[in-house]
Amino acid sequence: MHQFFPVELVWKDGSHAADRYWFNICSRIDSVDREKTTKKFRNLWIMVVDPSKTLVFSRSKFGDRHVWIDKFMSSAPIARFVTETFKQEMDAAGVTGLNYKPYPETD
């Protein structure tokens, strides 16, 4: 479903700094509730930037997934989504560096 690639971080002198994993999200689904979303799209992949508008996601579309990329949006970071459950689990595990933004959900 997803891929994890080991990554070694090194200092400028080439010495070992840390080992980490690159998380590659492979689940691509149509997750947006098109009727309740107020954001406008220029085409299937590019959203018009307007902070007064929002995306609304359909729980019936993302189902039991907790991490996904919406297949009708660009592969830019805005297209990567997680559930509130995923966020809470990452917070509890002390994972940092993830930039969460909540979005409304419908059934």
PDB file of N, CA and C in Angstrom:
ATOM      1  N   MET A   1       0.818  -1.190   0.000  1.00  0.00           N
ATOM      2  CA  MET A   1       0.000   0.000   0.000  1.00  0.00           C
ATOM      3  C   MET A   1       0.869   1.264   0.000  1.00  0.00           C
ATOM      4  N   HIS A   2       1.874   1.320   0.873  1.00  0.00           N
ATOM      5  CA  HIS A   2       2.791   2.462   0.928  1.00  0.00           C
ATOM      6  C   HIS A   2       4.212   1.925   0.934  1.00  0.00           C
ATOM      7  N   GLN A   3       5.162   2.826   0.715  1.00  0.00           N
ATOM      8  CA  GLN A   3       6.558   2.423   0.693  1.00  0.00           C
ATOM      9  C   GLN A   3       7.346   3.248   1.703  1.00  0.00           C
ATOM     10  N   PHE A   4       8.330   2.609   2.304  1.00  0.00           N
ATOM     11  CA  PHE A   4       9.226   3.275   3.240  1.00  0.00           C
ATOM     12  C   PHE A   4      10.649   3.024   2.757  1.00  0.00           C
ATOM     13  N   PHE A   5      11.372   4.100   2.476  1.00  0.00           N
ATOM     14  CA  PHE A   5      12.737   3.982   1.991  1.00  0.00           C
ATOM     15  C   PHE A   5      13.707   4.476   3.061  1.00  0.00           C
ATOM     16  N   PRO A   6      14.700   3.664   3.410  1.00  0.00           N
ATOM     17  CA  PRO A   6      15.684   4.123   4.389  1.00  0.00           C
ATOM     18  C   PRO A   6      16.535   5.244   3.787  1.00  0.00           C
ATOM     19  N   VAL A   7      16.807   6.244   4.608  1.00  0.00           N
ATOM     20  CA  VAL A   7      17.613   7.387   4.192  1.00  0.00           C
ATOM     21  C   VAL A   7      18.654   7.649   5.274  1.00  0.00           C
ATOM     22  N   GLU A   8      19.889   7.787   4.862  1.00  0.00           N
ATOM     23  CA  GLU A   8      20.930   8.167   5.810  1.00  0.00           C
ATOM     24  C   GLU A   8      21.198   9.655   5.650  1.00  0.00           C
ATOM     25  N   LEU A   9      21.122  10.389   6.743  1.00  0.00           N
ATOM     26  CA  LEU A   9      21.474  11.802   6.740  1.00  0.00           C
ATOM     27  C   LEU A   9      22.930  11.921   7.148  1.00  0.00           C
ATOM     28  N   VAL A  10      23.654  12.756   6.423  1.00  0.00           N
ATOM     29  CA  VAL A  10      25.083  12.933   6.720  1.00  0.00           C
ATOM     30  C   VAL A  10      25.399  14.407   6.907  1.00  0.00           C
ATOM     31  N   TRP A  11      26.437  14.668   7.684  1.00  0.00           N
ATOM     32  CA  TRP A  11      26.922  16.026   7.884  1.00  0.00           C
ATOM     33  C   TRP A  11      27.716  16.451   6.654  1.00  0.00           C
ATOM     34  N   LYS A  12      28.054  17.720   6.564  1.00  0.00           N
ATOM     35  CA  LYS A  12      28.810  18.228   5.417  1.00  0.00           C
ATOM     36  C   LYS A  12      30.129  17.482   5.215  1.00  0.00           C
ATOM     37  N   ASP A  13      30.713  17.002   6.306  1.00  0.00           N
ATOM     38  CA  ASP A  13      31.989  16.283   6.193  1.00  0.00           C
ATOM     39  C   ASP A  13      31.807  14.820   5.788  1.00  0.00           C
ATOM     40  N   GLY A  14      30.538  14.415   5.573  1.00  0.00           N
ATOM     41  CA  GLY A  14      30.246  13.050   5.150  1.00  0.00           C
ATOM     42  C   GLY A  14      30.022  12.076   6.279  1.00  0.00           C
ATOM     43  N   SER A  15      30.164  12.509   7.516  1.00  0.00           N
ATOM     44  CA  SER A  15      29.946  11.609   8.644  1.00  0.00           C
ATOM     45  C   SER A  15      28.445  11.406   8.892  1.00  0.00           C
ATOM     46  N   HIS A  16      28.143  10.266   9.458  1.00  0.00           N
ATOM     47  CA  HIS A  16      26.752   9.870   9.723  1.00  0.00           C
ATOM     48  C   HIS A  16      26.082  10.822  10.723  1.00  0.00           C
ATOM     49  N   ALA A  17      24.899  11.310  10.403  1.00  0.00           N
ATOM     50  CA  ALA A  17      24.142  12.176  11.311  1.00  0.00           C
ATOM     51  C   ALA A  17      22.939  11.434  11.882  1.00  0.00           C
ATOM     52  N   ALA A  18      22.179  10.729  11.029  1.00  0.00           N
ATOM     53  CA  ALA A  18      20.985  10.023  11.505  1.00  0.00           C
ATOM     54  C   ALA A  18      20.459   9.104  10.411  1.00  0.00           C
ATOM     55  N   ASP A  19      19.675   8.126  10.831  1.00  0.00           N
ATOM     56  CA  ASP A  19      18.939   7.271   9.901  1.00  0.00           C
ATOM     57  C   ASP A  19      17.467   7.639   9.993  1.00  0.00           C
ATOM     58  N   ARG A  20      16.826   7.774   8.872  1.00  0.00           N
ATOM     59  CA  ARG A  20      15.405   8.113   8.802  1.00  0.00           C
ATOM     60  C   ARG A  20      14.763   7.266   7.704  1.00  0.00           C
ATOM     61  N   TYR A  21      13.454   7.438   7.530  1.00  0.00           N
ATOM     62  CA  TYR A  21      12.731   6.754   6.463  1.00  0.00           C
ATOM     63  C   TYR A  21      11.927   7.764   5.664  1.00  0.00           C
ATOM     64  N   TRP A  22      11.939   7.611   4.357  1.00  0.00           N
ATOM     65  CA  TRP A  22      11.115   8.412   3.465  1.00  0.00           C
ATOM     66  C   TRP A  22       9.809   7.658   3.300  1.00  0.00           C
ATOM     67  N   PHE A  23       8.695   8.331   3.574  1.00  0.00           N
ATOM     68  CA  PHE A  23       7.369   7.720   3.519  1.00  0.00           C
ATOM     69  C   PHE A  23       6.733   8.079   2.186  1.00  0.00           C
ATOM     70  N   ASN A  24       6.599   7.101   1.317  1.00  0.00           N
ATOM     71  CA  ASN A  24       6.018   7.302  -0.004  1.00  0.00           C
ATOM     72  C   ASN A  24       4.572   6.800   0.007  1.00  0.00           C
ATOM     73  N   ILE A  25       3.628   7.719  -0.102  1.00  0.00           N
ATOM     74  CA  ILE A  25       2.204   7.377  -0.056  1.00  0.00           C
ATOM     75  C   ILE A  25       1.785   6.855  -1.429  1.00  0.00           C
ATOM     76  N   CYS A  26       1.271   5.639  -1.462  1.00  0.00           N
ATOM     77  CA  CYS A  26       0.944   4.998  -2.739  1.00  0.00           C
ATOM     78  C   CYS A  26      -0.555   4.865  -2.990  1.00  0.00           C
ATOM     79  N   SER A  27      -1.371   5.076  -1.989  1.00  0.00           N
ATOM     80  CA  SER A  27      -2.811   4.957  -2.159  1.00  0.00           C
ATOM     81  C   SER A  27      -3.352   6.234  -2.798  1.00  0.00           C
ATOM     82  N   ARG A  28      -3.849   6.117  -4.044  1.00  0.00           N
ATOM     83  CA  ARG A  28      -4.378   7.266  -4.788  1.00  0.00           C
ATOM     84  C   ARG A  28      -5.870   7.027  -5.016  1.00  0.00           C
ATOM     85  N   ILE A  29      -6.692   7.899  -4.437  1.00  0.00           N
ATOM     86  CA  ILE A  29      -8.143   7.727  -4.543  1.00  0.00           C
ATOM     87  C   ILE A  29      -8.822   9.068  -4.820  1.00  0.00           C
ATOM     88  N   ASP A  30     -10.063   9.009  -5.249  1.00  0.00           N
ATOM     89  CA  ASP A  30     -10.910  10.194  -5.401  1.00  0.00           C
ATOM     90  C   ASP A  30     -11.610  10.384  -4.058  1.00  0.00           C
ATOM     91  N   SER A  31     -11.166  11.371  -3.266  1.00  0.00           N
ATOM     92  CA  SER A  31     -11.642  11.487  -1.892  1.00  0.00           C
ATOM     93  C   SER A  31     -12.462  12.737  -1.597  1.00  0.00           C
ATOM     94  N   VAL A  32     -12.573  13.641  -2.551  1.00  0.00           N
ATOM     95  CA  VAL A  32     -13.238  14.927  -2.312  1.00  0.00           C
ATOM     96  C   VAL A  32     -14.744  14.804  -2.518  1.00  0.00           C
ATOM     97  N   ASP A  33     -15.504  15.390  -1.598  1.00  0.00           N
ATOM     98  CA  ASP A  33     -16.951  15.515  -1.770  1.00  0.00           C
ATOM     99  C   ASP A  33     -17.160  16.723  -2.680  1.00  0.00           C
ATOM    100  N   ARG A  34     -17.383  16.457  -3.949  1.00  0.00           N
ATOM    101  CA  ARG A  34     -17.462  17.527  -4.955  1.00  0.00           C
ATOM    102  C   ARG A  34     -18.656  18.451  -4.727  1.00  0.00           C
ATOM    103  N   GLU A  35     -19.716  17.955  -4.153  1.00  0.00           N
ATOM    104  CA  GLU A  35     -20.910  18.800  -3.947  1.00  0.00           C
ATOM    105  C   GLU A  35     -20.732  19.768  -2.785  1.00  0.00           C
ATOM    106  N   LYS A  36     -19.976  19.378  -1.770  1.00  0.00           N
ATOM    107  CA  LYS A  36     -19.821  20.246  -0.597  1.00  0.00           C
ATOM    108  C   LYS A  36     -18.534  21.067  -0.612  1.00  0.00           C
ATOM    109  N   THR A  37     -17.611  20.745  -1.508  1.00  0.00           N
ATOM    110  CA  THR A  37     -16.361  21.501  -1.624  1.00  0.00           C
ATOM    111  C   THR A  37     -16.646  22.842  -2.275  1.00  0.00           C
ATOM    112  N   THR A  38     -16.102  23.899  -1.677  1.00  0.00           N
ATOM    113  CA  THR A  38     -16.293  25.238  -2.255  1.00  0.00           C
ATOM    114  C   THR A  38     -15.058  25.716  -3.010  1.00  0.00           C
ATOM    115  N   LYS A  39     -13.931  25.006  -2.878  1.00  0.00           N
ATOM    116  CA  LYS A  39     -12.735  25.362  -3.653  1.00  0.00           C
ATOM    117  C   LYS A  39     -13.028  25.133  -5.124  1.00  0.00           C
ATOM    118  N   LYS A  40     -12.434  25.940  -5.961  1.00  0.00           N
ATOM    119  CA  LYS A  40     -12.587  25.813  -7.409  1.00  0.00           C
ATOM    120  C   LYS A  40     -11.311  25.213  -7.992  1.00  0.00           C
ATOM    121  N   PHE A  41     -11.467  24.428  -9.022  1.00  0.00           N
ATOM    122  CA  PHE A  41     -10.344  23.807  -9.700  1.00  0.00           C
ATOM    123  C   PHE A  41     -10.200  24.397 -11.095  1.00  0.00           C
ATOM    124  N   ARG A  42      -8.954  24.731 -11.481  1.00  0.00           N
ATOM    125  CA  ARG A  42      -8.698  25.183 -12.854  1.00  0.00           C
ATOM    126  C   ARG A  42      -8.822  24.008 -13.805  1.00  0.00           C
ATOM    127  N   ASN A  43      -8.382  22.876 -13.380  1.00  0.00           N
ATOM    128  CA  ASN A  43      -8.554  21.626 -14.114  1.00  0.00           C
ATOM    129  C   ASN A  43      -8.561  20.527 -13.058  1.00  0.00           C
ATOM    130  N   LEU A  44      -8.461  19.301 -13.457  1.00  0.00           N
ATOM    131  CA  LEU A  44      -8.531  18.218 -12.473  1.00  0.00           C
ATOM    132  C   LEU A  44      -7.383  18.222 -11.485  1.00  0.00           C
ATOM    133  N   TRP A  45      -6.278  18.891 -11.800  1.00  0.00           N
ATOM    134  CA  TRP A  45      -5.097  18.762 -10.966  1.00  0.00           C
ATOM    135  C   TRP A  45      -4.687  20.028 -10.239  1.00  0.00           C
ATOM    136  N   ILE A  46      -5.191  21.187 -10.609  1.00  0.00           N
ATOM    137  CA  ILE A  46      -4.725  22.435 -10.007  1.00  0.00           C
ATOM    138  C   ILE A  46      -5.887  23.188  -9.382  1.00  0.00           C
ATOM    139  N   MET A  47      -5.785  23.453  -8.071  1.00  0.00           N
ATOM    140  CA  MET A  47      -6.813  24.214  -7.371  1.00  0.00           C
ATOM    141  C   MET A  47      -6.510  25.704  -7.453  1.00  0.00           C
ATOM    142  N   VAL A  48      -7.554  26.498  -7.514  1.00  0.00           N
ATOM    143  CA  VAL A  48      -7.406  27.945  -7.448  1.00  0.00           C
ATOM    144  C   VAL A  48      -7.185  28.311  -5.985  1.00  0.00           C
ATOM    145  N   VAL A  49      -6.133  29.079  -5.711  1.00  0.00           N
ATOM    146  CA  VAL A  49      -5.816  29.463  -4.330  1.00  0.00           C
ATOM    147  C   VAL A  49      -6.815  30.511  -3.868  1.00  0.00           C
ATOM    148  N   ASP A  50      -7.576  30.181  -2.842  1.00  0.00           N
ATOM    149  CA  ASP A  50      -8.554  31.092  -2.258  1.00  0.00           C
ATOM    150  C   ASP A  50      -8.805  30.625  -0.828  1.00  0.00           C
ATOM    151  N   PRO A  51      -8.195  31.302   0.157  1.00  0.00           N
ATOM    152  CA  PRO A  51      -8.310  30.858   1.551  1.00  0.00           C
ATOM    153  C   PRO A  51      -9.738  30.860   2.100  1.00  0.00           C
ATOM    154  N   SER A  52     -10.654  31.558   1.450  1.00  0.00           N
ATOM    155  CA  SER A  52     -12.030  31.582   1.945  1.00  0.00           C
ATOM    156  C   SER A  52     -12.812  30.334   1.528  1.00  0.00           C
ATOM    157  N   LYS A  53     -12.236  29.534   0.659  1.00  0.00           N
ATOM    158  CA  LYS A  53     -12.887  28.304   0.174  1.00  0.00           C
ATOM    159  C   LYS A  53     -12.235  27.093   0.823  1.00  0.00           C
ATOM    160  N   THR A  54     -12.939  25.987   0.835  1.00  0.00           N
ATOM    161  CA  THR A  54     -12.386  24.799   1.491  1.00  0.00           C
ATOM    162  C   THR A  54     -12.645  23.530   0.693  1.00  0.00           C
ATOM    163  N   LEU A  55     -11.845  22.524   1.006  1.00  0.00           N
ATOM    164  CA  LEU A  55     -12.057  21.172   0.507  1.00  0.00           C
ATOM    165  C   LEU A  55     -12.874  20.432   1.544  1.00  0.00           C
ATOM    166  N   VAL A  56     -13.754  19.573   1.095  1.00  0.00           N
ATOM    167  CA  VAL A  56     -14.519  18.712   1.994  1.00  0.00           C
ATOM    168  C   VAL A  56     -14.298  17.291   1.511  1.00  0.00           C
ATOM    169  N   PHE A  57     -13.953  16.393   2.437  1.00  0.00           N
ATOM    170  CA  PHE A  57     -13.668  15.012   2.077  1.00  0.00           C
ATOM    171  C   PHE A  57     -14.811  14.092   2.458  1.00  0.00           C
ATOM    172  N   SER A  58     -14.988  13.058   1.673  1.00  0.00           N
ATOM    173  CA  SER A  58     -16.054  12.094   1.872  1.00  0.00           C
ATOM    174  C   SER A  58     -15.505  10.846   2.550  1.00  0.00           C
ATOM    175  N   ARG A  59     -15.986  10.579   3.780  1.00  0.00           N
ATOM    176  CA  ARG A  59     -15.567   9.366   4.496  1.00  0.00           C
ATOM    177  C   ARG A  59     -15.922   8.114   3.710  1.00  0.00           C
ATOM    178  N   SER A  60     -17.037   8.157   2.992  1.00  0.00           N
ATOM    179  CA  SER A  60     -17.420   6.974   2.215  1.00  0.00           C
ATOM    180  C   SER A  60     -16.438   6.733   1.068  1.00  0.00           C
ATOM    181  N   LYS A  61     -15.732   7.769   0.627  1.00  0.00           N
ATOM    182  CA  LYS A  61     -14.732   7.599  -0.440  1.00  0.00           C
ATOM    183  C   LYS A  61     -13.385   7.148   0.106  1.00  0.00           C
ATOM    184  N   PHE A  62     -12.934   7.724   1.251  1.00  0.00           N
ATOM    185  CA  PHE A  62     -11.622   7.301   1.749  1.00  0.00           C
ATOM    186  C   PHE A  62     -11.720   6.080   2.649  1.00  0.00           C
ATOM    187  N   GLY A  63     -12.923   5.741   3.093  1.00  0.00           N
ATOM    188  CA  GLY A  63     -13.157   4.483   3.806  1.00  0.00           C
ATOM    189  C   GLY A  63     -12.254   4.269   5.005  1.00  0.00           C
ATOM    190  N   ASP A  64     -11.589   3.104   5.045  1.00  0.00           N
ATOM    191  CA  ASP A  64     -10.734   2.777   6.186  1.00  0.00           C
ATOM    192  C   ASP A  64      -9.287   3.220   5.976  1.00  0.00           C
ATOM    193  N   ARG A  65      -9.031   3.988   4.943  1.00  0.00           N
ATOM    194  CA  ARG A  65      -7.679   4.523   4.719  1.00  0.00           C
ATOM    195  C   ARG A  65      -7.412   5.651   5.702  1.00  0.00           C
ATOM    196  N   HIS A  66      -6.162   5.781   6.105  1.00  0.00           N
ATOM    197  CA  HIS A  66      -5.786   6.877   6.996  1.00  0.00           C
ATOM    198  C   HIS A  66      -4.785   7.824   6.352  1.00  0.00           C
ATOM    199  N   VAL A  67      -4.211   7.407   5.209  1.00  0.00           N
ATOM    200  CA  VAL A  67      -3.256   8.220   4.467  1.00  0.00           C
ATOM    201  C   VAL A  67      -3.512   7.983   2.987  1.00  0.00           C
ATOM    202  N   TRP A  68      -3.561   9.052   2.197  1.00  0.00           N
ATOM    203  CA  TRP A  68      -3.775   8.887   0.764  1.00  0.00           C
ATOM    204  C   TRP A  68      -3.391  10.155   0.016  1.00  0.00           C
ATOM    205  N   ILE A  69      -3.341  10.018  -1.298  1.00  0.00           N
ATOM    206  CA  ILE A  69      -3.191  11.144  -2.219  1.00  0.00           C
ATOM    207  C   ILE A  69      -4.463  11.182  -3.041  1.00  0.00           C
ATOM    208  N   ASP A  70      -5.047  12.365  -3.173  1.00  0.00           N
ATOM    209  CA  ASP A  70      -6.229  12.460  -4.019  1.00  0.00           C
ATOM    210  C   ASP A  70      -5.783  12.388  -5.476  1.00  0.00           C
ATOM    211  N   LYS A  71      -6.333  11.435  -6.217  1.00  0.00           N
ATOM    212  CA  LYS A  71      -5.861  11.187  -7.576  1.00  0.00           C
ATOM    213  C   LYS A  71      -6.237  12.280  -8.568  1.00  0.00           C
ATOM    214  N   PHE A  72      -7.122  13.198  -8.187  1.00  0.00           N
ATOM    215  CA  PHE A  72      -7.493  14.268  -9.102  1.00  0.00           C
ATOM    216  C   PHE A  72      -6.820  15.594  -8.763  1.00  0.00           C
ATOM    217  N   MET A  73      -5.867  15.562  -7.851  1.00  0.00           N
ATOM    218  CA  MET A  73      -5.103  16.770  -7.531  1.00  0.00           C
ATOM    219  C   MET A  73      -3.653  16.544  -7.903  1.00  0.00           C
ATOM    220  N   SER A  74      -2.905  17.611  -7.929  1.00  0.00           N
ATOM    221  CA  SER A  74      -1.485  17.491  -8.261  1.00  0.00           C
ATOM    222  C   SER A  74      -0.781  16.684  -7.189  1.00  0.00           C
ATOM    223  N   SER A  75       0.442  16.301  -7.454  1.00  0.00           N
ATOM    224  CA  SER A  75       1.203  15.550  -6.460  1.00  0.00           C
ATOM    225  C   SER A  75       1.921  16.486  -5.485  1.00  0.00           C
ATOM    226  N   ALA A  76       1.578  17.757  -5.531  1.00  0.00           N
ATOM    227  CA  ALA A  76       2.141  18.714  -4.579  1.00  0.00           C
ATOM    228  C   ALA A  76       1.696  18.341  -3.168  1.00  0.00           C
ATOM    229  N   PRO A  77       2.350  18.872  -2.133  1.00  0.00           N
ATOM    230  CA  PRO A  77       1.990  18.492  -0.760  1.00  0.00           C
ATOM    231  C   PRO A  77       0.516  18.672  -0.422  1.00  0.00           C
ATOM    232  N   ILE A  78      -0.176  19.603  -1.050  1.00  0.00           N
ATOM    233  CA  ILE A  78      -1.602  19.804  -0.761  1.00  0.00           C
ATOM    234  C   ILE A  78      -2.423  18.562  -1.073  1.00  0.00           C
ATOM    235  N   ALA A  79      -1.941  17.697  -1.931  1.00  0.00           N
ATOM    236  CA  ALA A  79      -2.713  16.525  -2.347  1.00  0.00           C
ATOM    237  C   ALA A  79      -2.530  15.319  -1.432  1.00  0.00           C
ATOM    238  N   ARG A  80      -1.710  15.446  -0.402  1.00  0.00           N
ATOM    239  CA  ARG A  80      -1.478  14.357   0.539  1.00  0.00           C
ATOM    240  C   ARG A  80      -2.350  14.579   1.770  1.00  0.00           C
ATOM    241  N   PHE A  81      -3.127  13.557   2.110  1.00  0.00           N
ATOM    242  CA  PHE A  81      -4.101  13.736   3.189  1.00  0.00           C
ATOM    243  C   PHE A  81      -4.012  12.602   4.196  1.00  0.00           C
ATOM    244  N   VAL A  82      -4.343  12.937   5.452  1.00  0.00           N
ATOM    245  CA  VAL A  82      -4.383  11.955   6.532  1.00  0.00           C
ATOM    246  C   VAL A  82      -5.636  12.206   7.361  1.00  0.00           C
ATOM    247  N   THR A  83      -6.078  11.173   8.054  1.00  0.00           N
ATOM    248  CA  THR A  83      -7.230  11.318   8.934  1.00  0.00           C
ATOM    249  C   THR A  83      -6.791  11.897  10.276  1.00  0.00           C
ATOM    250  N   GLU A  84      -7.758  12.341  11.043  1.00  0.00           N
ATOM    251  CA  GLU A  84      -7.490  12.835  12.394  1.00  0.00           C
ATOM    252  C   GLU A  84      -6.898  11.717  13.255  1.00  0.00           C
ATOM    253  N   THR A  85      -7.339  10.484  13.042  1.00  0.00           N
ATOM    254  CA  THR A  85      -6.798   9.331  13.780  1.00  0.00           C
ATOM    255  C   THR A  85      -5.303   9.178  13.513  1.00  0.00           C
ATOM    256  N   PHE A  86      -4.901   9.297  12.254  1.00  0.00           N
ATOM    257  CA  PHE A  86      -3.484   9.205  11.897  1.00  0.00           C
ATOM    258  C   PHE A  86      -2.694  10.301  12.599  1.00  0.00           C
ATOM    259  N   LYS A  87      -3.210  11.524  12.562  1.00  0.00           N
ATOM    260  CA  LYS A  87      -2.545  12.663  13.208  1.00  0.00           C
ATOM    261  C   LYS A  87      -2.347  12.392  14.705  1.00  0.00           C
ATOM    262  N   GLN A  88      -3.407  11.931  15.372  1.00  0.00           N
ATOM    263  CA  GLN A  88      -3.328  11.662  16.806  1.00  0.00           C
ATOM    264  C   GLN A  88      -2.297  10.573  17.110  1.00  0.00           C
ATOM    265  N   GLU A  89      -2.240   9.533  16.284  1.00  0.00           N
ATOM    266  CA  GLU A  89      -1.267   8.451  16.485  1.00  0.00           C
ATOM    267  C   GLU A  89       0.160   8.961  16.297  1.00  0.00           C
ATOM    268  N   MET A  90       0.383   9.793  15.298  1.00  0.00           N
ATOM    269  CA  MET A  90       1.719  10.348  15.069  1.00  0.00           C
ATOM    270  C   MET A  90       2.122  11.276  16.217  1.00  0.00           C
ATOM    271  N   ASP A  91       1.182  12.100  16.675  1.00  0.00           N
ATOM    272  CA  ASP A  91       1.453  12.981  17.818  1.00  0.00           C
ATOM    273  C   ASP A  91       1.811  12.160  19.057  1.00  0.00           C
ATOM    274  N   ALA A  92       1.048  11.090  19.314  1.00  0.00           N
ATOM    275  CA  ALA A  92       1.284  10.241  20.483  1.00  0.00           C
ATOM    276  C   ALA A  92       2.643   9.543  20.399  1.00  0.00           C
ATOM    277  N   ALA A  93       3.072   9.238  19.183  1.00  0.00           N
ATOM    278  CA  ALA A  93       4.361   8.575  18.992  1.00  0.00           C
ATOM    279  C   ALA A  93       5.525   9.564  18.997  1.00  0.00           C
ATOM    280  N   GLY A  94       5.216  10.852  19.056  1.00  0.00           N
ATOM    281  CA  GLY A  94       6.271  11.861  19.085  1.00  0.00           C
ATOM    282  C   GLY A  94       6.851  12.193  17.724  1.00  0.00           C
ATOM    283  N   VAL A  95       6.159  11.805  16.660  1.00  0.00           N
ATOM    284  CA  VAL A  95       6.635  12.117  15.310  1.00  0.00           C
ATOM    285  C   VAL A  95       6.424  13.601  15.053  1.00  0.00           C
ATOM    286  N   THR A  96       7.476  14.268  14.626  1.00  0.00           N
ATOM    287  CA  THR A  96       7.398  15.703  14.344  1.00  0.00           C
ATOM    288  C   THR A  96       7.745  15.965  12.883  1.00  0.00           C
ATOM    289  N   GLY A  97       7.509  17.194  12.459  1.00  0.00           N
ATOM    290  CA  GLY A  97       7.876  17.582  11.109  1.00  0.00           C
ATOM    291  C   GLY A  97       6.764  17.421  10.092  1.00  0.00           C
ATOM    292  N   LEU A  98       5.618  16.939  10.532  1.00  0.00           N
ATOM    293  CA  LEU A  98       4.488  16.803   9.621  1.00  0.00           C
ATOM    294  C   LEU A  98       3.608  18.040   9.747  1.00  0.00           C
ATOM    295  N   ASN A  99       3.185  18.571   8.644  1.00  0.00           N
ATOM    296  CA  ASN A  99       2.389  19.798   8.637  1.00  0.00           C
ATOM    297  C   ASN A  99       0.924  19.429   8.412  1.00  0.00           C
ATOM    298  N   TYR A 100       0.165  19.335   9.498  1.00  0.00           N
ATOM    299  CA  TYR A 100      -1.231  18.927   9.399  1.00  0.00           C
ATOM    300  C   TYR A 100      -2.136  20.134   9.200  1.00  0.00           C
ATOM    301  N   LYS A 101      -3.160  19.945   8.392  1.00  0.00           N
ATOM    302  CA  LYS A 101      -4.185  20.964   8.219  1.00  0.00           C
ATOM    303  C   LYS A 101      -5.527  20.231   8.222  1.00  0.00           C
ATOM    304  N   PRO A 102      -6.408  20.569   9.155  1.00  0.00           N
ATOM    305  CA  PRO A 102      -7.699  19.862   9.194  1.00  0.00           C
ATOM    306  C   PRO A 102      -8.630  20.316   8.066  1.00  0.00           C
ATOM    307  N   TYR A 103      -9.406  19.362   7.550  1.00  0.00           N
ATOM    308  CA  TYR A 103     -10.416  19.635   6.531  1.00  0.00           C
ATOM    309  C   TYR A 103     -11.726  19.003   6.985  1.00  0.00           C
ATOM    310  N   PRO A 104     -12.842  19.605   6.625  1.00  0.00           N
ATOM    311  CA  PRO A 104     -14.133  18.994   6.966  1.00  0.00           C
ATOM    312  C   PRO A 104     -14.330  17.672   6.239  1.00  0.00           C
ATOM    313  N   GLU A 105     -15.138  16.793   6.872  1.00  0.00           N
ATOM    314  CA  GLU A 105     -15.469  15.494   6.284  1.00  0.00           C
ATOM    315  C   GLU A 105     -16.982  15.307   6.287  1.00  0.00           C
ATOM    316  N   THR A 106     -17.456  14.574   5.293  1.00  0.00           N
ATOM    317  CA  THR A 106     -18.864  14.190   5.241  1.00  0.00           C
ATOM    318  C   THR A 106     -18.966  12.677   5.172  1.00  0.00           C
ATOM    319  N   ASP A 107     -20.160  12.143   5.365  1.00  0.00           N
ATOM    320  CA  ASP A 107     -20.356  10.686   5.268  1.00  0.00           C
ATOM    321  C   ASP A 107     -20.637  10.247   3.870  1.00  0.00           C
TER     322      ASP A 107
END
